Amino acid sequence: MVKLRIHHGMLNVSNIDRSVEFYVNKLGFKLTMPPREAPDPRDPKRNIKIAMLADENGGAVELGCPAYQHLSLAVNDVEKTIEEFKSKGIEVAREPFQMPDGRKSPIWFKDPDGIYIEIIKR
């Protein structure tokens, strides 16, 4: 069985700037990636606004507007993880695609409630 580590979770927020202000200035999180536009993995022709925050121990949360809740799992071997998930009947929700900045997007699965699970190499 592959080793899965939680990388981050995403919160769907209505106003990203207001949420960044709240989490940084009121709760003390560190802004690790300022708000920026990014392709929506559900529809790469559509953009969403995202920002990343971290606590003092490196725990991370992603803010998205408009977004989708998801759990990001870090793995050492993406291909092995994909094979294992597929062998267990977990269907791919979104194949990787080429992002505008040239990077390849992560692969996405869904849990039984339709919540996206992102697999990234770390």
PDB file of N, CA and C in Angstrom:
ATOM      1  N   MET A   1       0.846  -1.181   0.000  1.00  0.00           N
ATOM      2  CA  MET A   1       0.000   0.000   0.000  1.00  0.00           C
ATOM      3  C   MET A   1       0.888   1.239   0.000  1.00  0.00           C
ATOM      4  N   VAL A   2       0.548   2.209  -0.867  1.00  0.00           N
ATOM      5  CA  VAL A   2       1.337   3.435  -0.929  1.00  0.00           C
ATOM      6  C   VAL A   2       1.113   4.263   0.328  1.00  0.00           C
ATOM      7  N   LYS A   3       2.116   5.039   0.682  1.00  0.00           N
ATOM      8  CA  LYS A   3       2.024   5.909   1.855  1.00  0.00           C
ATOM      9  C   LYS A   3       1.445   7.256   1.417  1.00  0.00           C
ATOM     10  N   LEU A   4       0.330   7.639   2.035  1.00  0.00           N
ATOM     11  CA  LEU A   4      -0.333   8.905   1.736  1.00  0.00           C
ATOM     12  C   LEU A   4      -0.104   9.876   2.885  1.00  0.00           C
ATOM     13  N   ARG A   5       0.209  11.130   2.556  1.00  0.00           N
ATOM     14  CA  ARG A   5       0.371  12.184   3.551  1.00  0.00           C
ATOM     15  C   ARG A   5      -0.542  13.348   3.171  1.00  0.00           C
ATOM     16  N   ILE A   6      -1.238  13.886   4.137  1.00  0.00           N
ATOM     17  CA  ILE A   6      -2.066  15.053   3.840  1.00  0.00           C
ATOM     18  C   ILE A   6      -1.135  16.222   3.526  1.00  0.00           C
ATOM     19  N   HIS A   7      -1.354  16.834   2.375  1.00  0.00           N
ATOM     20  CA  HIS A   7      -0.571  17.994   1.964  1.00  0.00           C
ATOM     21  C   HIS A   7      -1.302  19.278   2.338  1.00  0.00           C
ATOM     22  N   HIS A   8      -2.595  19.363   1.985  1.00  0.00           N
ATOM     23  CA  HIS A   8      -3.421  20.512   2.377  1.00  0.00           C
ATOM     24  C   HIS A   8      -4.881  20.210   2.087  1.00  0.00           C
ATOM     25  N   GLY A   9      -5.742  21.032   2.615  1.00  0.00           N
ATOM     26  CA  GLY A   9      -7.164  21.003   2.299  1.00  0.00           C
ATOM     27  C   GLY A   9      -7.558  22.367   1.768  1.00  0.00           C
ATOM     28  N   MET A  10      -8.659  22.437   1.010  1.00  0.00           N
ATOM     29  CA  MET A  10      -9.096  23.723   0.455  1.00  0.00           C
ATOM     30  C   MET A  10     -10.427  24.133   1.066  1.00  0.00           C
ATOM     31  N   LEU A  11     -10.511  25.407   1.401  1.00  0.00           N
ATOM     32  CA  LEU A  11     -11.755  26.011   1.875  1.00  0.00           C
ATOM     33  C   LEU A  11     -12.342  26.855   0.757  1.00  0.00           C
ATOM     34  N   ASN A  12     -13.631  26.711   0.514  1.00  0.00           N
ATOM     35  CA  ASN A  12     -14.325  27.525  -0.472  1.00  0.00           C
ATOM     36  C   ASN A  12     -14.753  28.815   0.221  1.00  0.00           C
ATOM     37  N   VAL A  13     -14.253  29.944  -0.248  1.00  0.00           N
ATOM     38  CA  VAL A  13     -14.549  31.234   0.380  1.00  0.00           C
ATOM     39  C   VAL A  13     -15.237  32.155  -0.615  1.00  0.00           C
ATOM     40  N   SER A  14     -15.991  33.127  -0.100  1.00  0.00           N
ATOM     41  CA  SER A  14     -16.726  34.033  -0.990  1.00  0.00           C
ATOM     42  C   SER A  14     -15.903  35.244  -1.410  1.00  0.00           C
ATOM     43  N   ASN A  15     -14.914  35.616  -0.611  1.00  0.00           N
ATOM     44  CA  ASN A  15     -14.072  36.770  -0.929  1.00  0.00           C
ATOM     45  C   ASN A  15     -12.654  36.439  -0.479  1.00  0.00           C
ATOM     46  N   ILE A  16     -11.769  36.178  -1.414  1.00  0.00           N
ATOM     47  CA  ILE A  16     -10.443  35.692  -1.061  1.00  0.00           C
ATOM     48  C   ILE A  16      -9.622  36.720  -0.292  1.00  0.00           C
ATOM     49  N   ASP A  17      -9.710  37.985  -0.671  1.00  0.00           N
ATOM     50  CA  ASP A  17      -8.928  39.012   0.031  1.00  0.00           C
ATOM     51  C   ASP A  17      -9.378  39.157   1.479  1.00  0.00           C
ATOM     52  N   ARG A  18     -10.682  39.150   1.701  1.00  0.00           N
ATOM     53  CA  ARG A  18     -11.207  39.229   3.066  1.00  0.00           C
ATOM     54  C   ARG A  18     -10.787  38.009   3.884  1.00  0.00           C
ATOM     55  N   SER A  19     -10.812  36.828   3.267  1.00  0.00           N
ATOM     56  CA  SER A  19     -10.423  35.606   3.975  1.00  0.00           C
ATOM     57  C   SER A  19      -8.938  35.584   4.292  1.00  0.00           C
ATOM     58  N   VAL A  20      -8.102  36.022   3.340  1.00  0.00           N
ATOM     59  CA  VAL A  20      -6.656  36.107   3.613  1.00  0.00           C
ATOM     60  C   VAL A  20      -6.417  37.047   4.790  1.00  0.00           C
ATOM     61  N   GLU A  21      -7.076  38.185   4.798  1.00  0.00           N
ATOM     62  CA  GLU A  21      -6.918  39.149   5.900  1.00  0.00           C
ATOM     63  C   GLU A  21      -7.299  38.495   7.225  1.00  0.00           C
ATOM     64  N   PHE A  22      -8.393  37.751   7.251  1.00  0.00           N
ATOM     65  CA  PHE A  22      -8.851  37.100   8.473  1.00  0.00           C
ATOM     66  C   PHE A  22      -7.839  36.058   8.956  1.00  0.00           C
ATOM     67  N   TYR A  23      -7.458  35.133   8.082  1.00  0.00           N
ATOM     68  CA  TYR A  23      -6.567  34.036   8.502  1.00  0.00           C
ATOM     69  C   TYR A  23      -5.164  34.522   8.849  1.00  0.00           C
ATOM     70  N   VAL A  24      -4.682  35.544   8.154  1.00  0.00           N
ATOM     71  CA  VAL A  24      -3.328  36.060   8.415  1.00  0.00           C
ATOM     72  C   VAL A  24      -3.331  37.016   9.607  1.00  0.00           C
ATOM     73  N   ASN A  25      -4.175  38.042   9.567  1.00  0.00           N
ATOM     74  CA  ASN A  25      -4.118  39.099  10.585  1.00  0.00           C
ATOM     75  C   ASN A  25      -4.857  38.776  11.879  1.00  0.00           C
ATOM     76  N   LYS A  26      -5.835  37.898  11.829  1.00  0.00           N
ATOM     77  CA  LYS A  26      -6.583  37.578  13.046  1.00  0.00           C
ATOM     78  C   LYS A  26      -6.226  36.230  13.642  1.00  0.00           C
ATOM     79  N   LEU A  27      -5.910  35.235  12.774  1.00  0.00           N
ATOM     80  CA  LEU A  27      -5.571  33.911  13.295  1.00  0.00           C
ATOM     81  C   LEU A  27      -4.071  33.629  13.297  1.00  0.00           C
ATOM     82  N   GLY A  28      -3.283  34.477  12.629  1.00  0.00           N
ATOM     83  CA  GLY A  28      -1.836  34.330  12.682  1.00  0.00           C
ATOM     84  C   GLY A  28      -1.214  33.370  11.678  1.00  0.00           C
ATOM     85  N   PHE A  29      -1.972  32.944  10.657  1.00  0.00           N
ATOM     86  CA  PHE A  29      -1.382  32.111   9.616  1.00  0.00           C
ATOM     87  C   PHE A  29      -0.404  32.937   8.783  1.00  0.00           C
ATOM     88  N   LYS A  30       0.542  32.263   8.152  1.00  0.00           N
ATOM     89  CA  LYS A  30       1.500  32.927   7.264  1.00  0.00           C
ATOM     90  C   LYS A  30       1.006  32.754   5.828  1.00  0.00           C
ATOM     91  N   LEU A  31       1.029  33.821   5.052  1.00  0.00           N
ATOM     92  CA  LEU A  31       0.658  33.762   3.649  1.00  0.00           C
ATOM     93  C   LEU A  31       1.848  33.203   2.874  1.00  0.00           C
ATOM     94  N   THR A  32       1.720  31.990   2.344  1.00  0.00           N
ATOM     95  CA  THR A  32       2.832  31.359   1.624  1.00  0.00           C
ATOM     96  C   THR A  32       2.708  31.504   0.115  1.00  0.00           C
ATOM     97  N   MET A  33       1.510  31.820  -0.376  1.00  0.00           N
ATOM     98  CA  MET A  33       1.299  32.115  -1.790  1.00  0.00           C
ATOM     99  C   MET A  33       0.179  33.143  -1.879  1.00  0.00           C
ATOM    100  N   PRO A  34       0.508  34.372  -2.279  1.00  0.00           N
ATOM    101  CA  PRO A  34      -0.527  35.412  -2.374  1.00  0.00           C
ATOM    102  C   PRO A  34      -1.625  35.010  -3.363  1.00  0.00           C
ATOM    103  N   PRO A  35      -2.805  35.638  -3.242  1.00  0.00           N
ATOM    104  CA  PRO A  35      -3.894  35.320  -4.168  1.00  0.00           C
ATOM    105  C   PRO A  35      -3.453  35.469  -5.622  1.00  0.00           C
ATOM    106  N   ARG A  36      -3.834  34.473  -6.430  1.00  0.00           N
ATOM    107  CA  ARG A  36      -3.514  34.488  -7.865  1.00  0.00           C
ATOM    108  C   ARG A  36      -4.557  33.677  -8.611  1.00  0.00           C
ATOM    109  N   GLU A  37      -4.606  33.881  -9.918  1.00  0.00           N
ATOM    110  CA  GLU A  37      -5.498  33.121 -10.781  1.00  0.00           C
ATOM    111  C   GLU A  37      -4.865  31.765 -11.076  1.00  0.00           C
ATOM    112  N   ALA A  38      -5.692  30.720 -11.144  1.00  0.00           N
ATOM    113  CA  ALA A  38      -5.225  29.380 -11.466  1.00  0.00           C
ATOM    114  C   ALA A  38      -6.328  28.641 -12.217  1.00  0.00           C
ATOM    115  N   PRO A  39      -5.948  27.672 -13.073  1.00  0.00           N
ATOM    116  CA  PRO A  39      -6.982  26.919 -13.786  1.00  0.00           C
ATOM    117  C   PRO A  39      -7.807  26.065 -12.818  1.00  0.00           C
ATOM    118  N   ASP A  40      -9.086  26.000 -13.056  1.00  0.00           N
ATOM    119  CA  ASP A  40      -9.981  25.151 -12.273  1.00  0.00           C
ATOM    120  C   ASP A  40      -9.808  23.715 -12.768  1.00  0.00           C
ATOM    121  N   PRO A  41      -9.408  22.764 -11.906  1.00  0.00           N
ATOM    122  CA  PRO A  41      -9.193  21.396 -12.379  1.00  0.00           C
ATOM    123  C   PRO A  41     -10.457  20.732 -12.910  1.00  0.00           C
ATOM    124  N   ARG A  42     -11.614  21.253 -12.542  1.00  0.00           N
ATOM    125  CA  ARG A  42     -12.864  20.697 -13.070  1.00  0.00           C
ATOM    126  C   ARG A  42     -13.110  21.164 -14.492  1.00  0.00           C
ATOM    127  N   ASP A  43     -12.560  22.352 -14.848  1.00  0.00           N
ATOM    128  CA  ASP A  43     -12.734  22.923 -16.181  1.00  0.00           C
ATOM    129  C   ASP A  43     -11.543  23.830 -16.461  1.00  0.00           C
ATOM    130  N   PRO A  44     -10.502  23.312 -17.146  1.00  0.00           N
ATOM    131  CA  PRO A  44      -9.281  24.094 -17.340  1.00  0.00           C
ATOM    132  C   PRO A  44      -9.464  25.373 -18.154  1.00  0.00           C
ATOM    133  N   LYS A  45     -10.641  25.572 -18.768  1.00  0.00           N
ATOM    134  CA  LYS A  45     -10.897  26.823 -19.489  1.00  0.00           C
ATOM    135  C   LYS A  45     -11.360  27.923 -18.539  1.00  0.00           C
ATOM    136  N   ARG A  46     -11.629  27.548 -17.299  1.00  0.00           N
ATOM    137  CA  ARG A  46     -12.146  28.484 -16.291  1.00  0.00           C
ATOM    138  C   ARG A  46     -11.072  28.694 -15.225  1.00  0.00           C
ATOM    139  N   ASN A  47     -10.946  29.897 -14.731  1.00  0.00           N
ATOM    140  CA  ASN A  47      -9.993  30.192 -13.663  1.00  0.00           C
ATOM    141  C   ASN A  47     -10.713  30.402 -12.346  1.00  0.00           C
ATOM    142  N   ILE A  48      -9.983  30.121 -11.280  1.00  0.00           N
ATOM    143  CA  ILE A  48     -10.421  30.446  -9.932  1.00  0.00           C
ATOM    144  C   ILE A  48      -9.305  31.259  -9.285  1.00  0.00           C
ATOM    145  N   LYS A  49      -9.580  31.876  -8.182  1.00  0.00           N
ATOM    146  CA  LYS A  49      -8.568  32.625  -7.442  1.00  0.00           C
ATOM    147  C   LYS A  49      -8.186  31.802  -6.226  1.00  0.00           C
ATOM    148  N   ILE A  50      -6.892  31.577  -6.017  1.00  0.00           N
ATOM    149  CA  ILE A  50      -6.431  30.765  -4.895  1.00  0.00           C
ATOM    150  C   ILE A  50      -5.340  31.489  -4.113  1.00  0.00           C
ATOM    151  N   ALA A  51      -5.170  31.089  -2.861  1.00  0.00           N
ATOM    152  CA  ALA A  51      -4.080  31.555  -1.990  1.00  0.00           C
ATOM    153  C   ALA A  51      -3.731  30.408  -1.057  1.00  0.00           C
ATOM    154  N   MET A  52      -2.481  30.361  -0.619  1.00  0.00           N
ATOM    155  CA  MET A  52      -2.040  29.311   0.310  1.00  0.00           C
ATOM    156  C   MET A  52      -1.588  29.950   1.616  1.00  0.00           C
ATOM    157  N   LEU A  53      -1.947  29.268   2.710  1.00  0.00           N
ATOM    158  CA  LEU A  53      -1.572  29.705   4.052  1.00  0.00           C
ATOM    159  C   LEU A  53      -0.915  28.537   4.771  1.00  0.00           C
ATOM    160  N   ALA A  54      -0.122  28.837   5.787  1.00  0.00           N
ATOM    161  CA  ALA A  54       0.484  27.776   6.604  1.00  0.00           C
ATOM    162  C   ALA A  54       0.530  28.226   8.050  1.00  0.00           C
ATOM    163  N   ASP A  55       0.483  27.237   8.944  1.00  0.00           N
ATOM    164  CA  ASP A  55       0.672  27.549  10.356  1.00  0.00           C
ATOM    165  C   ASP A  55       2.150  27.422  10.695  1.00  0.00           C
ATOM    166  N   GLU A  56       2.515  27.664  11.940  1.00  0.00           N
ATOM    167  CA  GLU A  56       3.931  27.656  12.321  1.00  0.00           C
ATOM    168  C   GLU A  56       4.569  26.275  12.240  1.00  0.00           C
ATOM    169  N   ASN A  57       3.755  25.224  12.176  1.00  0.00           N
ATOM    170  CA  ASN A  57       4.281  23.858  12.070  1.00  0.00           C
ATOM    171  C   ASN A  57       4.274  23.333  10.638  1.00  0.00           C
ATOM    172  N   GLY A  58       3.899  24.171   9.677  1.00  0.00           N
ATOM    173  CA  GLY A  58       3.887  23.761   8.279  1.00  0.00           C
ATOM    174  C   GLY A  58       2.568  23.195   7.800  1.00  0.00           C
ATOM    175  N   GLY A  59       1.559  23.127   8.673  1.00  0.00           N
ATOM    176  CA  GLY A  59       0.232  22.696   8.233  1.00  0.00           C
ATOM    177  C   GLY A  59      -0.304  23.707   7.239  1.00  0.00           C
ATOM    178  N   ALA A  60      -0.900  23.242   6.152  1.00  0.00           N
ATOM    179  CA  ALA A  60      -1.312  24.156   5.084  1.00  0.00           C
ATOM    180  C   ALA A  60      -2.808  24.088   4.817  1.00  0.00           C
ATOM    181  N   VAL A  61      -3.329  25.226   4.377  1.00  0.00           N
ATOM    182  CA  VAL A  61      -4.702  25.320   3.931  1.00  0.00           C
ATOM    183  C   VAL A  61      -4.702  26.208   2.691  1.00  0.00           C
ATOM    184  N   GLU A  62      -5.532  25.841   1.726  1.00  0.00           N
ATOM    185  CA  GLU A  62      -5.672  26.612   0.499  1.00  0.00           C
ATOM    186  C   GLU A  62      -7.034  27.275   0.521  1.00  0.00           C
ATOM    187  N   LEU A  63      -7.093  28.540   0.135  1.00  0.00           N
ATOM    188  CA  LEU A  63      -8.352  29.267   0.012  1.00  0.00           C
ATOM    189  C   LEU A  63      -8.672  29.373  -1.470  1.00  0.00           C
ATOM    190  N   GLY A  64      -9.929  29.204  -1.845  1.00  0.00           N
ATOM    191  CA  GLY A  64     -10.308  29.287  -3.246  1.00  0.00           C
ATOM    192  C   GLY A  64     -11.626  29.999  -3.435  1.00  0.00           C
ATOM    193  N   CYS A  65     -11.722  30.766  -4.544  1.00  0.00           N
ATOM    194  CA  CYS A  65     -12.930  31.547  -4.816  1.00  0.00           C
ATOM    195  C   CYS A  65     -13.115  31.704  -6.326  1.00  0.00           C
ATOM    196  N   PRO A  66     -14.178  31.288  -6.967  1.00  0.00           N
ATOM    197  CA  PRO A  66     -15.060  30.249  -6.445  1.00  0.00           C
ATOM    198  C   PRO A  66     -14.311  28.936  -6.523  1.00  0.00           C
ATOM    199  N   ALA A  67     -14.522  28.072  -5.611  1.00  0.00           N
ATOM    200  CA  ALA A  67     -13.687  26.881  -5.541  1.00  0.00           C
ATOM    201  C   ALA A  67     -14.491  25.631  -5.316  1.00  0.00           C
ATOM    202  N   TYR A  68     -13.819  24.640  -4.911  1.00  0.00           N
ATOM    203  CA  TYR A  68     -14.337  23.310  -4.691  1.00  0.00           C
ATOM    204  C   TYR A  68     -13.575  22.780  -3.497  1.00  0.00           C
ATOM    205  N   GLN A  69     -14.256  22.116  -2.599  1.00  0.00           N
ATOM    206  CA  GLN A  69     -13.517  21.550  -1.475  1.00  0.00           C
ATOM    207  C   GLN A  69     -12.721  20.359  -1.988  1.00  0.00           C
ATOM    208  N   HIS A  70     -11.549  20.190  -1.453  1.00  0.00           N
ATOM    209  CA  HIS A  70     -10.757  19.024  -1.827  1.00  0.00           C
ATOM    210  C   HIS A  70      -9.717  18.730  -0.768  1.00  0.00           C
ATOM    211  N   LEU A  71      -9.160  17.540  -0.873  1.00  0.00           N
ATOM    212  CA  LEU A  71      -8.072  17.107  -0.011  1.00  0.00           C
ATOM    213  C   LEU A  71      -6.899  16.807  -0.920  1.00  0.00           C
ATOM    214  N   SER A  72      -5.749  17.367  -0.606  1.00  0.00           N
ATOM    215  CA  SER A  72      -4.547  17.127  -1.394  1.00  0.00           C
ATOM    216  C   SER A  72      -3.663  16.136  -0.641  1.00  0.00           C
ATOM    217  N   LEU A  73      -3.319  15.027  -1.314  1.00  0.00           N
ATOM    218  CA  LEU A  73      -2.469  14.012  -0.718  1.00  0.00           C
ATOM    219  C   LEU A  73      -1.121  13.989  -1.417  1.00  0.00           C
ATOM    220  N   ALA A  74      -0.066  14.010  -0.621  1.00  0.00           N
ATOM    221  CA  ALA A  74       1.295  13.950  -1.155  1.00  0.00           C
ATOM    222  C   ALA A  74       1.767  12.509  -1.127  1.00  0.00           C
ATOM    223  N   VAL A  75       2.396  12.088  -2.218  1.00  0.00           N
ATOM    224  CA  VAL A  75       2.910  10.723  -2.335  1.00  0.00           C
ATOM    225  C   VAL A  75       4.321  10.767  -2.912  1.00  0.00           C
ATOM    226  N   ASN A  76       5.059   9.687  -2.717  1.00  0.00           N
ATOM    227  CA  ASN A  76       6.400   9.596  -3.292  1.00  0.00           C
ATOM    228  C   ASN A  76       6.357   9.137  -4.742  1.00  0.00           C
ATOM    229  N   ASP A  77       5.390   8.294  -5.088  1.00  0.00           N
ATOM    230  CA  ASP A  77       5.304   7.710  -6.425  1.00  0.00           C
ATOM    231  C   ASP A  77       3.887   7.872  -6.955  1.00  0.00           C
ATOM    232  N   VAL A  78       3.682   8.863  -7.819  1.00  0.00           N
ATOM    233  CA  VAL A  78       2.347   9.167  -8.343  1.00  0.00           C
ATOM    234  C   VAL A  78       1.825   8.009  -9.180  1.00  0.00           C
ATOM    235  N   GLU A  79       2.639   7.473 -10.078  1.00  0.00           N
ATOM    236  CA  GLU A  79       2.185   6.393 -10.959  1.00  0.00           C
ATOM    237  C   GLU A  79       1.749   5.158 -10.169  1.00  0.00           C
ATOM    238  N   LYS A  80       2.525   4.788  -9.163  1.00  0.00           N
ATOM    239  CA  LYS A  80       2.173   3.632  -8.326  1.00  0.00           C
ATOM    240  C   LYS A  80       0.857   3.903  -7.590  1.00  0.00           C
ATOM    241  N   THR A  81       0.670   5.122  -7.120  1.00  0.00           N
ATOM    242  CA  THR A  81      -0.564   5.494  -6.418  1.00  0.00           C
ATOM    243  C   THR A  81      -1.755   5.402  -7.362  1.00  0.00           C
ATOM    244  N   ILE A  82      -1.598   5.902  -8.582  1.00  0.00           N
ATOM    245  CA  ILE A  82      -2.680   5.836  -9.573  1.00  0.00           C
ATOM    246  C   ILE A  82      -3.047   4.383  -9.842  1.00  0.00           C
ATOM    247  N   GLU A  83      -2.041   3.535 -10.055  1.00  0.00           N
ATOM    248  CA  GLU A  83      -2.299   2.113 -10.303  1.00  0.00           C
ATOM    249  C   GLU A  83      -3.051   1.486  -9.128  1.00  0.00           C
ATOM    250  N   GLU A  84      -2.598   1.789  -7.901  1.00  0.00           N
ATOM    251  CA  GLU A  84      -3.243   1.207  -6.726  1.00  0.00           C
ATOM    252  C   GLU A  84      -4.680   1.682  -6.585  1.00  0.00           C
ATOM    253  N   PHE A  85      -4.907   2.985  -6.761  1.00  0.00           N
ATOM    254  CA  PHE A  85      -6.265   3.517  -6.665  1.00  0.00           C
ATOM    255  C   PHE A  85      -7.173   2.852  -7.703  1.00  0.00           C
ATOM    256  N   LYS A  86      -6.696   2.773  -8.945  1.00  0.00           N
ATOM    257  CA  LYS A  86      -7.507   2.171 -10.004  1.00  0.00           C
ATOM    258  C   LYS A  86      -7.793   0.701  -9.705  1.00  0.00           C
ATOM    259  N   SER A  87      -6.814  -0.015  -9.141  1.00  0.00           N
ATOM    260  CA  SER A  87      -7.023  -1.435  -8.821  1.00  0.00           C
ATOM    261  C   SER A  87      -8.079  -1.610  -7.736  1.00  0.00           C
ATOM    262  N   LYS A  88      -8.307  -0.564  -6.960  1.00  0.00           N
ATOM    263  CA  LYS A  88      -9.326  -0.602  -5.906  1.00  0.00           C
ATOM    264  C   LYS A  88     -10.666  -0.060  -6.384  1.00  0.00           C
ATOM    265  N   GLY A  89     -10.760   0.227  -7.689  1.00  0.00           N
ATOM    266  CA  GLY A  89     -12.014   0.717  -8.253  1.00  0.00           C
ATOM    267  C   GLY A  89     -12.247   2.200  -8.070  1.00  0.00           C
ATOM    268  N   ILE A  90     -11.213   2.944  -7.704  1.00  0.00           N
ATOM    269  CA  ILE A  90     -11.349   4.399  -7.550  1.00  0.00           C
ATOM    270  C   ILE A  90     -11.130   5.011  -8.931  1.00  0.00           C
ATOM    271  N   GLU A  91     -12.154   5.669  -9.461  1.00  0.00           N
ATOM    272  CA  GLU A  91     -12.090   6.208 -10.807  1.00  0.00           C
ATOM    273  C   GLU A  91     -11.429   7.578 -10.846  1.00  0.00           C
ATOM    274  N   VAL A  92     -10.695   7.804 -11.933  1.00  0.00           N
ATOM    275  CA  VAL A  92     -10.073   9.107 -12.167  1.00  0.00           C
ATOM    276  C   VAL A  92     -11.178  10.110 -12.463  1.00  0.00           C
ATOM    277  N   ALA A  93     -11.183  11.237 -11.752  1.00  0.00           N
ATOM    278  CA  ALA A  93     -12.166  12.297 -11.993  1.00  0.00           C
ATOM    279  C   ALA A  93     -11.646  13.288 -13.026  1.00  0.00           C
ATOM    280  N   ARG A  94     -10.331  13.490 -13.049  1.00  0.00           N
ATOM    281  CA  ARG A  94      -9.739  14.467 -13.973  1.00  0.00           C
ATOM    282  C   ARG A  94      -8.315  14.033 -14.276  1.00  0.00           C
ATOM    283  N   GLU A  95      -8.065  13.709 -15.531  1.00  0.00           N
ATOM    284  CA  GLU A  95      -6.708  13.377 -15.960  1.00  0.00           C
ATOM    285  C   GLU A  95      -5.851  14.639 -15.920  1.00  0.00           C
ATOM    286  N   PRO A  96      -4.540  14.492 -15.776  1.00  0.00           N
ATOM    287  CA  PRO A  96      -3.667  15.665 -15.806  1.00  0.00           C
ATOM    288  C   PRO A  96      -3.791  16.407 -17.143  1.00  0.00           C
ATOM    289  N   PHE A  97      -3.603  17.720 -17.102  1.00  0.00           N
ATOM    290  CA  PHE A  97      -3.635  18.540 -18.310  1.00  0.00           C
ATOM    291  C   PHE A  97      -2.510  19.562 -18.241  1.00  0.00           C
ATOM    292  N   GLN A  98      -2.149  20.108 -19.376  1.00  0.00           N
ATOM    293  CA  GLN A  98      -1.084  21.109 -19.452  1.00  0.00           C
ATOM    294  C   GLN A  98      -1.634  22.439 -18.964  1.00  0.00           C
ATOM    295  N   MET A  99      -0.996  23.035 -17.957  1.00  0.00           N
ATOM    296  CA  MET A  99      -1.439  24.311 -17.426  1.00  0.00           C
ATOM    297  C   MET A  99      -0.794  25.445 -18.236  1.00  0.00           C
ATOM    298  N   PRO A 100      -1.364  26.649 -18.183  1.00  0.00           N
ATOM    299  CA  PRO A 100      -0.829  27.766 -18.973  1.00  0.00           C
ATOM    300  C   PRO A 100       0.652  28.064 -18.704  1.00  0.00           C
ATOM    301  N   ASP A 101       1.119  27.788 -17.480  1.00  0.00           N
ATOM    302  CA  ASP A 101       2.527  28.077 -17.168  1.00  0.00           C
ATOM    303  C   ASP A 101       3.465  26.945 -17.599  1.00  0.00           C
ATOM    304  N   GLY A 102       2.909  25.914 -18.289  1.00  0.00           N
ATOM    305  CA  GLY A 102       3.735  24.829 -18.797  1.00  0.00           C
ATOM    306  C   GLY A 102       3.814  23.608 -17.903  1.00  0.00           C
ATOM    307  N   ARG A 103       3.420  23.760 -16.647  1.00  0.00           N
ATOM    308  CA  ARG A 103       3.444  22.608 -15.742  1.00  0.00           C
ATOM    309  C   ARG A 103       2.275  21.685 -16.037  1.00  0.00           C
ATOM    310  N   LYS A 104       2.412  20.437 -15.635  1.00  0.00           N
ATOM    311  CA  LYS A 104       1.335  19.467 -15.768  1.00  0.00           C
ATOM    312  C   LYS A 104       0.517  19.502 -14.476  1.00  0.00           C
ATOM    313  N   SER A 105      -0.802  19.496 -14.612  1.00  0.00           N
ATOM    314  CA  SER A 105      -1.664  19.523 -13.428  1.00  0.00           C
ATOM    315  C   SER A 105      -1.602  18.182 -12.713  1.00  0.00           C
ATOM    316  N   PRO A 106      -2.015  18.150 -11.447  1.00  0.00           N
ATOM    317  CA  PRO A 106      -2.110  16.868 -10.725  1.00  0.00           C
ATOM    318  C   PRO A 106      -3.250  16.028 -11.288  1.00  0.00           C
ATOM    319  N   ILE A 107      -3.297  14.768 -10.889  1.00  0.00           N
ATOM    320  CA  ILE A 107      -4.423  13.909 -11.226  1.00  0.00           C
ATOM    321  C   ILE A 107      -5.426  13.990 -10.074  1.00  0.00           C
ATOM    322  N   TRP A 108      -6.710  13.871 -10.404  1.00  0.00           N
ATOM    323  CA  TRP A 108      -7.777  14.024  -9.427  1.00  0.00           C
ATOM    324  C   TRP A 108      -8.674  12.799  -9.413  1.00  0.00           C
ATOM    325  N   PHE A 109      -9.046  12.384  -8.220  1.00  0.00           N
ATOM    326  CA  PHE A 109     -10.023  11.324  -8.001  1.00  0.00           C
ATOM    327  C   PHE A 109     -11.172  11.935  -7.216  1.00  0.00           C
ATOM    328  N   LYS A 110     -12.251  11.186  -6.997  1.00  0.00           N
ATOM    329  CA  LYS A 110     -13.350  11.644  -6.141  1.00  0.00           C
ATOM    330  C   LYS A 110     -13.644  10.573  -5.106  1.00  0.00           C
ATOM    331  N   ASP A 111     -14.043  11.038  -3.911  1.00  0.00           N
ATOM    332  CA  ASP A 111     -14.472  10.099  -2.878  1.00  0.00           C
ATOM    333  C   ASP A 111     -15.958   9.778  -3.098  1.00  0.00           C
ATOM    334  N   PRO A 112     -16.565   8.922  -2.268  1.00  0.00           N
ATOM    335  CA  PRO A 112     -17.977   8.547  -2.480  1.00  0.00           C
ATOM    336  C   PRO A 112     -18.958   9.716  -2.417  1.00  0.00           C
ATOM    337  N   ASP A 113     -18.566  10.832  -1.787  1.00  0.00           N
ATOM    338  CA  ASP A 113     -19.440  12.001  -1.711  1.00  0.00           C
ATOM    339  C   ASP A 113     -19.144  13.024  -2.800  1.00  0.00           C
ATOM    340  N   GLY A 114     -18.253  12.688  -3.719  1.00  0.00           N
ATOM    341  CA  GLY A 114     -17.924  13.603  -4.809  1.00  0.00           C
ATOM    342  C   GLY A 114     -16.863  14.625  -4.450  1.00  0.00           C
ATOM    343  N   ILE A 115     -16.234  14.490  -3.294  1.00  0.00           N
ATOM    344  CA  ILE A 115     -15.177  15.420  -2.895  1.00  0.00           C
ATOM    345  C   ILE A 115     -13.901  15.053  -3.651  1.00  0.00           C
ATOM    346  N   TYR A 116     -13.281  16.044  -4.255  1.00  0.00           N
ATOM    347  CA  TYR A 116     -12.073  15.814  -5.034  1.00  0.00           C
ATOM    348  C   TYR A 116     -10.892  15.447  -4.133  1.00  0.00           C
ATOM    349  N   ILE A 117     -10.072  14.525  -4.635  1.00  0.00           N
ATOM    350  CA  ILE A 117      -8.818  14.137  -3.982  1.00  0.00           C
ATOM    351  C   ILE A 117      -7.710  14.369  -4.997  1.00  0.00           C
ATOM    352  N   GLU A 118      -6.811  15.260  -4.659  1.00  0.00           N
ATOM    353  CA  GLU A 118      -5.693  15.628  -5.528  1.00  0.00           C
ATOM    354  C   GLU A 118      -4.478  14.793  -5.117  1.00  0.00           C
ATOM    355  N   ILE A 119      -3.769  14.238  -6.087  1.00  0.00           N
ATOM    356  CA  ILE A 119      -2.553  13.468  -5.811  1.00  0.00           C
ATOM    357  C   ILE A 119      -1.369  14.241  -6.366  1.00  0.00           C
ATOM    358  N   ILE A 120      -0.420  14.577  -5.481  1.00  0.00           N
ATOM    359  CA  ILE A 120       0.774  15.305  -5.914  1.00  0.00           C
ATOM    360  C   ILE A 120       2.017  14.601  -5.412  1.00  0.00           C
ATOM    361  N   LYS A 121       3.109  14.786  -6.141  1.00  0.00           N
ATOM    362  CA  LYS A 121       4.384  14.186  -5.732  1.00  0.00           C
ATOM    363  C   LYS A 121       5.108  15.148  -4.804  1.00  0.00           C
ATOM    364  N   ARG A 122       5.525  14.635  -3.645  1.00  0.00           N
ATOM    365  CA  ARG A 122       6.314  15.430  -2.676  1.00  0.00           C
ATOM    366  C   ARG A 122       7.220  14.510  -1.938  1.00  0.00           C
TER     367      ARG A 122
END
